[in-house]
PDB file of N, CA and C in Angstrom:
ATOM      1  N   MET A   1      52.301 189.249  23.745  1.00  0.00           N
ATOM      2  CA  MET A   1      51.071 188.502  23.855  1.00  0.00           C
ATOM      3  C   MET A   1      50.869 188.018  25.288  1.00  0.00           C
ATOM      4  N   GLY A   2      51.913 187.474  25.869  1.00  0.00           N
ATOM      5  CA  GLY A   2      51.803 186.993  27.236  1.00  0.00           C
ATOM      6  C   GLY A   2      51.505 188.105  28.221  1.00  0.00           C
ATOM      7  N   ARG A   3      52.081 189.270  27.974  1.00  0.00           N
ATOM      8  CA  ARG A   3      51.853 190.391  28.890  1.00  0.00           C
ATOM      9  C   ARG A   3      50.402 190.841  28.879  1.00  0.00           C
ATOM     10  N   GLY A   4      49.803 190.884  27.704  1.00  0.00           N
ATOM     11  CA  GLY A   4      48.401 191.293  27.602  1.00  0.00           C
ATOM     12  C   GLY A   4      47.489 190.356  28.363  1.00  0.00           C
ATOM     13  N   ILE A   5      47.782 189.077  28.298  1.00  0.00           N
ATOM     14  CA  ILE A   5      46.959 188.097  29.008  1.00  0.00           C
ATOM     15  C   ILE A   5      47.128 188.275  30.513  1.00  0.00           C
ATOM     16  N   LEU A   6      48.363 188.438  30.952  1.00  0.00           N
ATOM     17  CA  LEU A   6      48.588 188.630  32.382  1.00  0.00           C
ATOM     18  C   LEU A   6      47.955 189.922  32.882  1.00  0.00           C
ATOM     19  N   ARG A   7      48.114 190.974  32.114  1.00  0.00           N
ATOM     20  CA  ARG A   7      47.549 192.253  32.517  1.00  0.00           C
ATOM     21  C   ARG A   7      46.029 192.146  32.579  1.00  0.00           C
ATOM     22  N   HIS A   8      45.441 191.541  31.547  1.00  0.00           N
ATOM     23  CA  HIS A   8      43.990 191.391  31.521  1.00  0.00           C
ATOM     24  C   HIS A   8      43.532 190.479  32.661  1.00  0.00           C
ATOM     25  N   GLY A   9      44.269 189.379  32.866  1.00  0.00           N
ATOM     26  CA  GLY A   9      43.913 188.451  33.936  1.00  0.00           C
ATOM     27  C   GLY A   9      44.027 189.106  35.303  1.00  0.00           C
ATOM     28  N   GLY A  10      45.054 189.943  35.488  1.00  0.00           N
ATOM     29  CA  GLY A  10      45.219 190.632  36.764  1.00  0.00           C
ATOM     30  C   GLY A  10      44.091 191.601  37.022  1.00  0.00           C
ATOM     31  N   HIS A  11      43.688 192.314  35.983  1.00  0.00           N
ATOM     32  CA  HIS A  11      42.575 193.259  36.112  1.00  0.00           C
ATOM     33  C   HIS A  11      41.294 192.502  36.444  1.00  0.00           C
ATOM     34  N   ARG A  12      41.092 191.393  35.763  1.00  0.00           N
ATOM     35  CA  ARG A  12      39.901 190.585  36.006  1.00  0.00           C
ATOM     36  C   ARG A  12      39.952 190.007  37.422  1.00  0.00           C
ATOM     37  N   GLY A  13      41.148 189.621  37.849  1.00  0.00           N
ATOM     38  CA  GLY A  13      41.308 189.086  39.203  1.00  0.00           C
ATOM     39  C   GLY A  13      40.974 190.116  40.271  1.00  0.00           C
ATOM     40  N   ARG A  14      41.394 191.366  40.037  1.00  0.00           N
ATOM     41  CA  ARG A  14      41.071 192.429  40.999  1.00  0.00           C
ATOM     42  C   ARG A  14      39.570 192.674  41.043  1.00  0.00           C
ATOM     43  N   ARG A  15      38.947 192.647  39.875  1.00  0.00           N
ATOM     44  CA  ARG A  15      37.485 192.824  39.847  1.00  0.00           C
ATOM     45  C   ARG A  15      36.791 191.702  40.601  1.00  0.00           C
ATOM     46  N   ALA A  16      37.244 190.475  40.372  1.00  0.00           N
ATOM     47  CA  ALA A  16      36.641 189.327  41.053  1.00  0.00           C
ATOM     48  C   ALA A  16      36.840 189.433  42.561  1.00  0.00           C
ATOM     49  N   ALA A  17      38.035 189.846  42.980  1.00  0.00           N
ATOM     50  CA  ALA A  17      38.305 189.992  44.411  1.00  0.00           C
ATOM     51  C   ALA A  17      37.428 191.082  45.024  1.00  0.00           C
ATOM     52  N   ALA A  18      37.262 192.190  44.321  1.00  0.00           N
ATOM     53  CA  ALA A  18      36.416 193.278  44.824  1.00  0.00           C
ATOM     54  C   ALA A  18      34.963 192.831  44.919  1.00  0.00           C
ATOM     55  N   ALA A  19      34.507 192.086  43.916  1.00  0.00           N
ATOM     56  CA  ALA A  19      33.126 191.594  43.936  1.00  0.00           C
ATOM     57  C   ALA A  19      32.933 190.602  45.076  1.00  0.00           C
ATOM     58  N   ALA A  20      33.909 189.719  45.270  1.00  0.00           N
ATOM     59  CA  ALA A  20      33.811 188.743  46.354  1.00  0.00           C
ATOM     60  C   ALA A  20      33.805 189.443  47.709  1.00  0.00           C
ATOM     61  N   ALA A  21      34.644 190.450  47.871  1.00  0.00           N
ATOM     62  CA  ALA A  21      34.680 191.194  49.132  1.00  0.00           C
ATOM     63  C   ALA A  21      33.345 191.879  49.396  1.00  0.00           C
ATOM     64  N   ALA A  22      32.761 192.457  48.364  1.00  0.00           N
ATOM     65  CA  ALA A  22      31.468 193.131  48.529  1.00  0.00           C
ATOM     66  C   ALA A  22      30.392 192.144  48.946  1.00  0.00           C
ATOM     67  N   VAL A  23      30.401 190.971  48.319  1.00  0.00           N
ATOM     68  CA  VAL A  23      29.396 189.954  48.641  1.00  0.00           C
ATOM     69  C   VAL A  23      29.591 189.443  50.062  1.00  0.00           C
ATOM     70  N   LEU A  24      30.838 189.224  50.465  1.00  0.00           N
ATOM     71  CA  LEU A  24      31.105 188.679  51.788  1.00  0.00           C
ATOM     72  C   LEU A  24      30.931 189.697  52.908  1.00  0.00           C
ATOM     73  N   LEU A  25      31.220 190.952  52.660  1.00  0.00           N
ATOM     74  CA  LEU A  25      31.159 191.960  53.715  1.00  0.00           C
ATOM     75  C   LEU A  25      29.792 192.600  53.880  1.00  0.00           C
ATOM     76  N   THR A  26      28.959 192.557  52.857  1.00  0.00           N
ATOM     77  CA  THR A  26      27.640 193.185  52.938  1.00  0.00           C
ATOM     78  C   THR A  26      26.803 192.639  54.090  1.00  0.00           C
ATOM     79  N   PRO A  27      26.748 191.310  54.309  1.00  0.00           N
ATOM     80  CA  PRO A  27      25.942 190.829  55.437  1.00  0.00           C
ATOM     81  C   PRO A  27      26.440 191.323  56.789  1.00  0.00           C
ATOM     82  N   LEU A  28      27.730 191.595  56.910  1.00  0.00           N
ATOM     83  CA  LEU A  28      28.261 192.075  58.182  1.00  0.00           C
ATOM     84  C   LEU A  28      27.751 193.459  58.539  1.00  0.00           C
ATOM     85  N   ALA A  29      27.345 194.213  57.559  1.00  0.00           N
ATOM     86  CA  ALA A  29      26.813 195.547  57.829  1.00  0.00           C
ATOM     87  C   ALA A  29      25.537 195.467  58.647  1.00  0.00           C
ATOM     88  N   GLY A  30      24.841 194.340  58.576  1.00  0.00           N
ATOM     89  CA  GLY A  30      23.602 194.173  59.318  1.00  0.00           C
ATOM     90  C   GLY A  30      23.805 193.657  60.727  1.00  0.00           C
ATOM     91  N   CYS A  31      25.024 193.290  61.086  1.00  0.00           N
ATOM     92  CA  CYS A  31      25.276 192.778  62.425  1.00  0.00           C
ATOM     93  C   CYS A  31      25.183 193.909  63.439  1.00  0.00           C
ATOM     94  N   GLY A  32      24.626 193.580  64.581  1.00  0.00           N
ATOM     95  CA  GLY A  32      24.483 194.595  65.614  1.00  0.00           C
ATOM     96  C   GLY A  32      23.281 195.472  65.331  1.00  0.00           C
ATOM     97  N   SER A  33      23.039 196.384  66.220  1.00  0.00           N
ATOM     98  CA  SER A  33      21.921 197.295  66.034  1.00  0.00           C
ATOM     99  C   SER A  33      22.446 198.719  66.065  1.00  0.00           C
ATOM    100  N   ASP A  34      21.823 199.566  65.301  1.00  0.00           N
ATOM    101  CA  ASP A  34      22.249 200.959  65.262  1.00  0.00           C
ATOM    102  C   ASP A  34      21.764 201.647  66.525  1.00  0.00           C
ATOM    103  N   ASP A  35      22.633 202.356  67.173  1.00  0.00           N
ATOM    104  CA  ASP A  35      22.321 203.006  68.441  1.00  0.00           C
ATOM    105  C   ASP A  35      22.106 204.498  68.232  1.00  0.00           C
ATOM    106  N   GLY A  36      21.139 204.844  67.398  1.00  0.00           N
ATOM    107  CA  GLY A  36      20.811 206.246  67.193  1.00  0.00           C
ATOM    108  C   GLY A  36      21.963 207.068  66.659  1.00  0.00           C
ATOM    109  N   GLY A  37      22.764 206.503  65.783  1.00  0.00           N
ATOM    110  CA  GLY A  37      23.864 207.235  65.196  1.00  0.00           C
ATOM    111  C   GLY A  37      25.134 207.235  66.031  1.00  0.00           C
ATOM    112  N   ARG A  38      25.131 206.534  67.160  1.00  0.00           N
ATOM    113  CA  ARG A  38      26.315 206.496  68.022  1.00  0.00           C
ATOM    114  C   ARG A  38      27.174 205.269  67.755  1.00  0.00           C
ATOM    115  N   GLY A  39      26.867 204.509  66.724  1.00  0.00           N
ATOM    116  CA  GLY A  39      27.675 203.340  66.385  1.00  0.00           C
ATOM    117  C   GLY A  39      26.913 202.048  66.527  1.00  0.00           C
ATOM    118  N   VAL A  40      27.611 200.972  66.267  1.00  0.00           N
ATOM    119  CA  VAL A  40      27.018 199.637  66.319  1.00  0.00           C
ATOM    120  C   VAL A  40      27.043 199.125  67.753  1.00  0.00           C
ATOM    121  N   VAL A  41      25.936 198.526  68.153  1.00  0.00           N
ATOM    122  CA  VAL A  41      25.824 197.933  69.480  1.00  0.00           C
ATOM    123  C   VAL A  41      25.585 196.444  69.304  1.00  0.00           C
ATOM    124  N   LEU A  42      26.433 195.615  69.923  1.00  0.00           N
ATOM    125  CA  LEU A  42      26.248 194.169  69.926  1.00  0.00           C
ATOM    126  C   LEU A  42      25.677 193.774  71.273  1.00  0.00           C
ATOM    127  N   SER A  43      24.550 193.081  71.252  1.00  0.00           N
ATOM    128  CA  SER A  43      23.929 192.611  72.490  1.00  0.00           C
ATOM    129  C   SER A  43      24.435 191.204  72.775  1.00  0.00           C
ATOM    130  N   PHE A  44      24.984 191.000  73.974  1.00  0.00           N
ATOM    131  CA  PHE A  44      25.630 189.757  74.372  1.00  0.00           C
ATOM    132  C   PHE A  44      24.818 189.158  75.508  1.00  0.00           C
ATOM    133  N   TYR A  45      24.075 188.071  75.235  1.00  0.00           N
ATOM    134  CA  TYR A  45      23.218 187.428  76.224  1.00  0.00           C
ATOM    135  C   TYR A  45      23.992 186.301  76.882  1.00  0.00           C
ATOM    136  N   THR A  46      24.117 186.369  78.218  1.00  0.00           N
ATOM    137  CA  THR A  46      24.925 185.400  78.950  1.00  0.00           C
ATOM    138  C   THR A  46      24.126 184.797  80.094  1.00  0.00           C
ATOM    139  N   PRO A  47      24.510 183.590  80.544  1.00  0.00           N
ATOM    140  CA  PRO A  47      23.833 182.986  81.688  1.00  0.00           C
ATOM    141  C   PRO A  47      24.108 183.782  82.962  1.00  0.00           C
ATOM    142  N   ALA A  48      23.249 183.589  83.954  1.00  0.00           N
ATOM    143  CA  ALA A  48      23.391 184.319  85.215  1.00  0.00           C
ATOM    144  C   ALA A  48      24.681 183.931  85.936  1.00  0.00           C
ATOM    145  N   ASP A  49      25.051 182.655  85.841  1.00  0.00           N
ATOM    146  CA  ASP A  49      26.310 182.218  86.449  1.00  0.00           C
ATOM    147  C   ASP A  49      27.458 182.838  85.665  1.00  0.00           C
ATOM    148  N   GLY A  50      28.281 183.579  86.331  1.00  0.00           N
ATOM    149  CA  GLY A  50      29.402 184.228  85.660  1.00  0.00           C
ATOM    150  C   GLY A  50      29.033 185.538  84.994  1.00  0.00           C
ATOM    151  N   ALA A  51      27.923 186.136  85.405  1.00  0.00           N
ATOM    152  CA  ALA A  51      27.472 187.389  84.786  1.00  0.00           C
ATOM    153  C   ALA A  51      28.487 188.514  84.987  1.00  0.00           C
ATOM    154  N   LYS A  52      29.134 188.537  86.158  1.00  0.00           N
ATOM    155  CA  LYS A  52      30.125 189.589  86.414  1.00  0.00           C
ATOM    156  C   LYS A  52      31.312 189.457  85.468  1.00  0.00           C
ATOM    157  N   ALA A  53      31.759 188.234  85.238  1.00  0.00           N
ATOM    158  CA  ALA A  53      32.886 188.012  84.324  1.00  0.00           C
ATOM    159  C   ALA A  53      32.495 188.369  82.894  1.00  0.00           C
ATOM    160  N   SER A  54      31.262 188.029  82.511  1.00  0.00           N
ATOM    161  CA  SER A  54      30.788 188.359  81.162  1.00  0.00           C
ATOM    162  C   SER A  54      30.680 189.866  80.979  1.00  0.00           C
ATOM    163  N   ALA A  55      30.190 190.551  82.009  1.00  0.00           N
ATOM    164  CA  ALA A  55      30.082 192.013  81.937  1.00  0.00           C
ATOM    165  C   ALA A  55      31.468 192.646  81.838  1.00  0.00           C
ATOM    166  N   ALA A  56      32.431 192.098  82.584  1.00  0.00           N
ATOM    167  CA  ALA A  56      33.798 192.623  82.523  1.00  0.00           C
ATOM    168  C   ALA A  56      34.402 192.392  81.137  1.00  0.00           C
ATOM    169  N   SER A  57      34.140 191.219  80.553  1.00  0.00           N
ATOM    170  CA  SER A  57      34.641 190.931  79.203  1.00  0.00           C
ATOM    171  C   SER A  57      34.032 191.877  78.184  1.00  0.00           C
ATOM    172  N   ALA A  58      32.729 192.114  78.314  1.00  0.00           N
ATOM    173  CA  ALA A  58      32.051 193.027  77.386  1.00  0.00           C
ATOM    174  C   ALA A  58      32.622 194.438  77.509  1.00  0.00           C
ATOM    175  N   ALA A  59      32.877 194.868  78.742  1.00  0.00           N
ATOM    176  CA  ALA A  59      33.437 196.209  78.954  1.00  0.00           C
ATOM    177  C   ALA A  59      34.849 196.308  78.375  1.00  0.00           C
ATOM    178  N   ARG A  60      35.652 195.258  78.575  1.00  0.00           N
ATOM    179  CA  ARG A  60      37.020 195.264  78.049  1.00  0.00           C
ATOM    180  C   ARG A  60      37.015 195.285  76.522  1.00  0.00           C
ATOM    181  N   CYS A  61      36.170 194.458  75.905  1.00  0.00           N
ATOM    182  CA  CYS A  61      36.092 194.437  74.440  1.00  0.00           C
ATOM    183  C   CYS A  61      35.607 195.778  73.893  1.00  0.00           C
ATOM    184  N   THR A  62      34.651 196.384  74.580  1.00  0.00           N
ATOM    185  CA  THR A  62      34.150 197.693  74.157  1.00  0.00           C
ATOM    186  C   THR A  62      35.266 198.732  74.211  1.00  0.00           C
ATOM    187  N   ALA A  63      36.037 198.705  75.290  1.00  0.00           N
ATOM    188  CA  ALA A  63      37.143 199.662  75.419  1.00  0.00           C
ATOM    189  C   ALA A  63      38.192 199.444  74.332  1.00  0.00           C
ATOM    190  N   GLU A  64      38.495 198.175  74.047  1.00  0.00           N
ATOM    191  CA  GLU A  64      39.504 197.867  73.032  1.00  0.00           C
ATOM    192  C   GLU A  64      39.024 198.185  71.619  1.00  0.00           C
ATOM    193  N   ALA A  65      37.705 198.251  71.428  1.00  0.00           N
ATOM    194  CA  ALA A  65      37.154 198.561  70.100  1.00  0.00           C
ATOM    195  C   ALA A  65      37.344 200.029  69.742  1.00  0.00           C
ATOM    196  N   ARG A  66      37.583 200.866  70.731  1.00  0.00           N
ATOM    197  CA  ARG A  66      37.840 202.299  70.526  1.00  0.00           C
ATOM    198  C   ARG A  66      36.773 202.985  69.675  1.00  0.00           C
ATOM    199  N   GLY A  67      35.525 202.718  70.024  1.00  0.00           N
ATOM    200  CA  GLY A  67      34.429 203.416  69.363  1.00  0.00           C
ATOM    201  C   GLY A  67      33.884 202.761  68.109  1.00  0.00           C
ATOM    202  N   ARG A  68      34.523 201.699  67.620  1.00  0.00           N
ATOM    203  CA  ARG A  68      34.012 201.039  66.408  1.00  0.00           C
ATOM    204  C   ARG A  68      32.691 200.339  66.686  1.00  0.00           C
ATOM    205  N   TYR A  69      32.547 199.819  67.895  1.00  0.00           N
ATOM    206  CA  TYR A  69      31.308 199.172  68.315  1.00  0.00           C
ATOM    207  C   TYR A  69      31.280 199.148  69.837  1.00  0.00           C
ATOM    208  N   ARG A  70      30.118 198.799  70.374  1.00  0.00           N
ATOM    209  CA  ARG A  70      29.944 198.687  71.817  1.00  0.00           C
ATOM    210  C   ARG A  70      29.234 197.372  72.101  1.00  0.00           C
ATOM    211  N   ILE A  71      29.639 196.675  73.142  1.00  0.00           N
ATOM    212  CA  ILE A  71      29.000 195.420  73.523  1.00  0.00           C
ATOM    213  C   ILE A  71      28.201 195.660  74.793  1.00  0.00           C
ATOM    214  N   GLU A  72      26.914 195.337  74.732  1.00  0.00           N
ATOM    215  CA  GLU A  72      26.045 195.427  75.910  1.00  0.00           C
ATOM    216  C   GLU A  72      25.747 194.014  76.378  1.00  0.00           C
ATOM    217  N   GLN A  73      26.121 193.717  77.611  1.00  0.00           N
ATOM    218  CA  GLN A  73      25.897 192.397  78.176  1.00  0.00           C
ATOM    219  C   GLN A  73      24.535 192.358  78.848  1.00  0.00           C
ATOM    220  N   HIS A  74      23.757 191.318  78.560  1.00  0.00           N
ATOM    221  CA  HIS A  74      22.437 191.120  79.165  1.00  0.00           C
ATOM    222  C   HIS A  74      22.441 189.761  79.855  1.00  0.00           C
ATOM    223  N   THR A  75      22.066 189.742  81.119  1.00  0.00           N
ATOM    224  CA  THR A  75      22.058 188.500  81.887  1.00  0.00           C
ATOM    225  C   THR A  75      20.721 187.790  81.713  1.00  0.00           C
ATOM    226  N   LEU A  76      20.806 186.516  81.375  1.00  0.00           N
ATOM    227  CA  LEU A  76      19.611 185.688  81.242  1.00  0.00           C
ATOM    228  C   LEU A  76      19.180 185.196  82.624  1.00  0.00           C
ATOM    229  N   PRO A  77      17.925 184.743  82.753  1.00  0.00           N
ATOM    230  CA  PRO A  77      17.467 184.197  84.036  1.00  0.00           C
ATOM    231  C   PRO A  77      18.310 182.984  84.457  1.00  0.00           C
ATOM    232  N   LYS A  78      18.298 182.662  85.759  1.00  0.00           N
ATOM    233  CA  LYS A  78      19.087 181.528  86.258  1.00  0.00           C
ATOM    234  C   LYS A  78      18.515 180.192  85.812  1.00  0.00           C
ATOM    235  N   ASN A  79      17.212 180.071  85.782  1.00  0.00           N
ATOM    236  CA  ASN A  79      16.556 178.817  85.418  1.00  0.00           C
ATOM    237  C   ASN A  79      16.736 178.548  83.924  1.00  0.00           C
ATOM    238  N   ALA A  80      17.199 177.349  83.588  1.00  0.00           N
ATOM    239  CA  ALA A  80      17.463 177.000  82.185  1.00  0.00           C
ATOM    240  C   ALA A  80      16.204 177.101  81.326  1.00  0.00           C
ATOM    241  N   ASP A  81      15.058 176.682  81.869  1.00  0.00           N
ATOM    242  CA  ASP A  81      13.813 176.775  81.095  1.00  0.00           C
ATOM    243  C   ASP A  81      13.459 178.228  80.798  1.00  0.00           C
ATOM    244  N   ASP A  82      13.665 179.102  81.786  1.00  0.00           N
ATOM    245  CA  ASP A  82      13.389 180.526  81.576  1.00  0.00           C
ATOM    246  C   ASP A  82      14.356 181.140  80.558  1.00  0.00           C
ATOM    247  N   GLN A  83      15.610 180.666  80.570  1.00  0.00           N
ATOM    248  CA  GLN A  83      16.584 181.137  79.580  1.00  0.00           C
ATOM    249  C   GLN A  83      16.125 180.783  78.172  1.00  0.00           C
ATOM    250  N   ARG A  84      15.762 179.510  77.997  1.00  0.00           N
ATOM    251  CA  ARG A  84      15.305 179.058  76.674  1.00  0.00           C
ATOM    252  C   ARG A  84      14.058 179.810  76.238  1.00  0.00           C
ATOM    253  N   LEU A  85      13.131 180.012  77.170  1.00  0.00           N
ATOM    254  CA  LEU A  85      11.891 180.714  76.848  1.00  0.00           C
ATOM    255  C   LEU A  85      12.170 182.155  76.423  1.00  0.00           C
ATOM    256  N   GLN A  86      13.034 182.848  77.147  1.00  0.00           N
ATOM    257  CA  GLN A  86      13.346 184.237  76.796  1.00  0.00           C
ATOM    258  C   GLN A  86      13.994 184.315  75.417  1.00  0.00           C
ATOM    259  N   LEU A  87      14.957 183.436  75.153  1.00  0.00           N
ATOM    260  CA  LEU A  87      15.628 183.462  73.850  1.00  0.00           C
ATOM    261  C   LEU A  87      14.675 183.064  72.727  1.00  0.00           C
ATOM    262  N   ALA A  88      13.827 182.059  72.986  1.00  0.00           N
ATOM    263  CA  ALA A  88      12.861 181.633  71.964  1.00  0.00           C
ATOM    264  C   ALA A  88      11.893 182.766  71.637  1.00  0.00           C
ATOM    265  N   ARG A  89      11.439 183.473  72.656  1.00  0.00           N
ATOM    266  CA  ARG A  89      10.529 184.604  72.413  1.00  0.00           C
ATOM    267  C   ARG A  89      11.216 185.692  71.592  1.00  0.00           C
ATOM    268  N   ARG A  90      12.465 185.967  71.904  1.00  0.00           N
ATOM    269  CA  ARG A  90      13.200 186.991  71.151  1.00  0.00           C
ATOM    270  C   ARG A  90      13.405 186.561  69.702  1.00  0.00           C
ATOM    271  N   LEU A  91      13.766 185.297  69.507  1.00  0.00           N
ATOM    272  CA  LEU A  91      13.971 184.799  68.146  1.00  0.00           C
ATOM    273  C   LEU A  91      12.662 184.779  67.362  1.00  0.00           C
ATOM    274  N   ALA A  92      11.590 184.319  68.001  1.00  0.00           N
ATOM    275  CA  ALA A  92      10.288 184.256  67.323  1.00  0.00           C
ATOM    276  C   ALA A  92       9.763 185.650  67.003  1.00  0.00           C
ATOM    277  N   GLY A  93      10.087 186.602  67.850  1.00  0.00           N
ATOM    278  CA  GLY A  93       9.634 187.976  67.640  1.00  0.00           C
ATOM    279  C   GLY A  93      10.569 188.774  66.752  1.00  0.00           C
ATOM    280  N   THR A  94      11.502 188.094  66.110  1.00  0.00           N
ATOM    281  CA  THR A  94      12.513 188.719  65.245  1.00  0.00           C
ATOM    282  C   THR A  94      13.162 189.929  65.917  1.00  0.00           C
ATOM    283  N   ASP A  95      13.609 189.697  67.153  1.00  0.00           N
ATOM    284  CA  ASP A  95      14.313 190.734  67.908  1.00  0.00           C
ATOM    285  C   ASP A  95      15.654 190.993  67.229  1.00  0.00           C
ATOM    286  N   HIS A  96      15.839 192.183  66.720  1.00  0.00           N
ATOM    287  CA  HIS A  96      17.061 192.526  65.993  1.00  0.00           C
ATOM    288  C   HIS A  96      18.225 192.852  66.919  1.00  0.00           C
ATOM    289  N   THR A  97      17.984 192.868  68.235  1.00  0.00           N
ATOM    290  CA  THR A  97      19.077 193.132  69.165  1.00  0.00           C
ATOM    291  C   THR A  97      19.732 191.845  69.643  1.00  0.00           C
ATOM    292  N   LEU A  98      19.235 190.699  69.222  1.00  0.00           N
ATOM    293  CA  LEU A  98      19.784 189.410  69.651  1.00  0.00           C
ATOM    294  C   LEU A  98      20.961 189.063  68.747  1.00  0.00           C
ATOM    295  N   ASP A  99      22.169 189.438  69.180  1.00  0.00           N
ATOM    296  CA  ASP A  99      23.361 189.256  68.358  1.00  0.00           C
ATOM    297  C   ASP A  99      24.196 188.057  68.783  1.00  0.00           C
ATOM    298  N   LEU A 100      24.493 187.937  70.074  1.00  0.00           N
ATOM    299  CA  LEU A 100      25.375 186.882  70.578  1.00  0.00           C
ATOM    300  C   LEU A 100      24.723 186.176  71.745  1.00  0.00           C
ATOM    301  N   MET A 101      24.776 184.829  71.712  1.00  0.00           N
ATOM    302  CA  MET A 101      24.225 184.038  72.818  1.00  0.00           C
ATOM    303  C   MET A 101      25.308 183.114  73.343  1.00  0.00           C
TER     304      MET A 101
END
């Protein structure tokens, strides 16, 4: 009797875990933008100060990803108001390439 309950509970537990994984991982499929069948591209928007370091980080992460995804670094304007305006316009326009800020 105890074995049947454990076996049934284990099977139910695996189903619950699979369902939870599907629910949690499905939104991640929408992250990034499809690059014409060449993989996922993450757009990384960074301030102008330190743009070279951000570009180097993006290149290093892309290399370490080994083709699973690519990070494209985009430099924002130097002026803080212009930065906010550019990001607000992208967000308001439902820009699907705006992944990381």
